[in-house]
Amino acid sequence: MTGHATRGRHVLADFRGVRADRLTDPQALERQLTDAARAAGARVLSAHFHHFGAGAGVTGVVMLSESHISIHSWPEHRYAALDIFMCGAARPELALEHLRAQLAPESVSVTTVARG
């Protein structure tokens, strides 16, 4: 990159082997993502989560002053896709570690992209 410094880090994580019951409760997932944002030093602005019905997954986003954290879950595949984008002093890696501890995936694949 030339001309300016990186504005933030965008962490994309695939959580595989998550217990299905951890991927179907929108209130619990909202609480976990909100807590993860705070653990990373981010300021929560709002959140919106949608459950797709009995046995189905959840899509949710926590809007931050520093950007966002989102999740899309597929309990039938024991899989969740996480998107953590933060700028400033917030540390997305801390949010990722918080969510790893809460959701306890068997495996995690992470891609980090410098943004800006």
Protein backbone atom coordinates (compact mmCIF):
# COMPACT_ATOMS: atom_id res chain seq x y z
CA MET A 1 0.00 0.00 0.00
CA THR A 2 1.24 3.44 -0.79
CA GLY A 3 0.12 6.85 0.32
CA HIS A 4 -1.60 5.97 3.59
CA ALA A 5 -1.54 3.59 6.53
CA THR A 6 -3.84 0.63 7.00
CA ARG A 7 -7.19 1.73 8.36
CA GLY A 8 -8.21 -1.56 9.94
CA ARG A 9 -8.06 -5.33 10.00
CA HIS A 10 -10.73 -7.58 8.59
CA VAL A 11 -10.73 -11.06 10.11
CA LEU A 12 -12.70 -13.78 8.32
CA ALA A 13 -13.10 -16.99 10.29
CA ASP A 14 -14.68 -20.34 9.52
CA PHE A 15 -15.66 -22.27 12.65
CA ARG A 16 -16.22 -25.96 11.96
CA GLY A 17 -17.40 -28.62 14.35
CA VAL A 18 -19.49 -26.31 16.56
CA ARG A 19 -22.25 -28.00 18.55
CA ALA A 20 -25.51 -27.31 16.72
CA ASP A 21 -27.27 -25.97 19.83
CA ARG A 22 -24.66 -23.20 20.05
CA LEU A 23 -25.63 -21.98 16.57
CA THR A 24 -29.41 -21.69 16.89
CA ASP A 25 -30.02 -19.20 19.73
CA PRO A 26 -30.06 -15.62 18.43
CA GLN A 27 -30.09 -14.05 21.91
CA ALA A 28 -27.05 -16.06 23.04
CA LEU A 29 -25.17 -15.28 19.82
CA GLU A 30 -25.97 -11.58 20.13
CA ARG A 31 -24.65 -11.58 23.69
CA GLN A 32 -21.50 -13.46 22.66
CA LEU A 33 -20.73 -11.15 19.72
CA THR A 34 -21.43 -8.06 21.83
CA ASP A 35 -19.15 -9.35 24.58
CA ALA A 36 -16.50 -10.17 21.95
CA ALA A 37 -16.64 -6.62 20.63
CA ARG A 38 -16.16 -5.21 24.10
CA ALA A 39 -13.30 -7.63 24.79
CA ALA A 40 -11.62 -6.24 21.66
CA GLY A 41 -11.96 -2.67 22.91
CA ALA A 42 -14.72 -1.72 20.47
CA ARG A 43 -17.85 0.36 21.18
CA VAL A 44 -21.17 -1.31 20.38
CA LEU A 45 -23.73 0.87 18.58
CA SER A 46 -26.51 -1.61 17.84
CA ALA A 47 -27.24 -5.22 16.92
CA HIS A 48 -29.70 -7.12 14.76
CA PHE A 49 -30.08 -10.90 14.71
CA HIS A 50 -32.49 -13.09 12.75
CA HIS A 51 -33.32 -16.75 13.43
CA PHE A 52 -34.52 -18.75 10.44
CA GLY A 53 -36.79 -21.11 12.42
CA ALA A 54 -36.70 -24.39 14.31
CA GLY A 55 -33.45 -26.23 13.72
CA ALA A 56 -32.18 -23.52 11.37
CA GLY A 57 -29.37 -21.01 11.71
CA VAL A 58 -28.94 -17.39 12.66
CA THR A 59 -27.66 -14.35 10.82
CA GLY A 60 -26.59 -11.44 12.94
CA VAL A 61 -24.56 -8.27 12.96
CA VAL A 62 -23.22 -6.06 15.74
CA MET A 63 -22.56 -2.54 14.50
CA LEU A 64 -19.54 -0.88 16.08
CA SER A 65 -18.03 2.58 16.08
CA GLU A 66 -15.00 0.74 14.70
CA SER A 67 -17.05 -1.20 12.06
CA HIS A 68 -18.81 -4.55 12.70
CA ILE A 69 -18.90 -8.22 13.69
CA SER A 70 -21.24 -10.59 11.88
CA ILE A 71 -22.13 -14.28 12.03
CA HIS A 72 -23.96 -16.66 9.73
CA SER A 73 -24.61 -20.11 11.18
CA TRP A 74 -25.56 -23.46 9.71
CA PRO A 75 -26.26 -25.78 12.68
CA GLU A 76 -27.07 -28.68 10.36
CA HIS A 77 -23.44 -28.51 9.19
CA ARG A 78 -22.03 -27.49 12.61
CA TYR A 79 -20.53 -24.45 10.86
CA ALA A 80 -20.39 -20.68 11.43
CA ALA A 81 -18.88 -17.95 9.25
CA LEU A 82 -17.62 -14.94 11.21
CA ASP A 83 -16.65 -11.53 9.86
CA ILE A 84 -14.83 -9.17 12.24
CA PHE A 85 -13.77 -5.78 10.86
CA MET A 86 -12.29 -3.22 13.24
CA CYS A 87 -10.28 -0.06 12.85
CA GLY A 88 -8.55 2.24 15.30
CA ALA A 89 -7.26 0.78 18.56
CA ALA A 90 -9.79 -2.09 18.60
CA ARG A 91 -8.21 -5.55 18.33
CA PRO A 92 -10.27 -7.98 16.22
CA GLU A 93 -8.02 -10.86 17.25
CA LEU A 94 -9.30 -10.53 20.82
CA ALA A 95 -12.88 -10.72 19.57
CA LEU A 96 -12.00 -13.85 17.61
CA GLU A 97 -10.45 -15.51 20.67
CA HIS A 98 -13.50 -14.65 22.78
CA LEU A 99 -15.81 -16.24 20.20
CA ARG A 100 -13.57 -19.29 19.87
CA ALA A 101 -13.86 -19.82 23.63
CA GLN A 102 -17.65 -19.39 23.58
CA LEU A 103 -18.48 -21.51 20.53
CA ALA A 104 -15.73 -24.13 21.00
CA PRO A 105 -15.22 -25.12 17.34
CA GLU A 106 -13.23 -28.26 16.55
CA SER A 107 -11.32 -26.33 13.87
CA VAL A 108 -10.86 -22.73 12.84
CA SER A 109 -9.67 -21.27 9.56
CA VAL A 110 -8.73 -17.56 9.64
CA THR A 111 -7.90 -15.03 6.95
CA THR A 112 -6.86 -11.52 7.96
CA VAL A 113 -6.91 -8.66 5.47
CA ALA A 114 -5.42 -5.19 6.02
CA ARG A 115 -8.01 -2.62 4.95
CA GLY A 116 -7.56 0.95 3.85
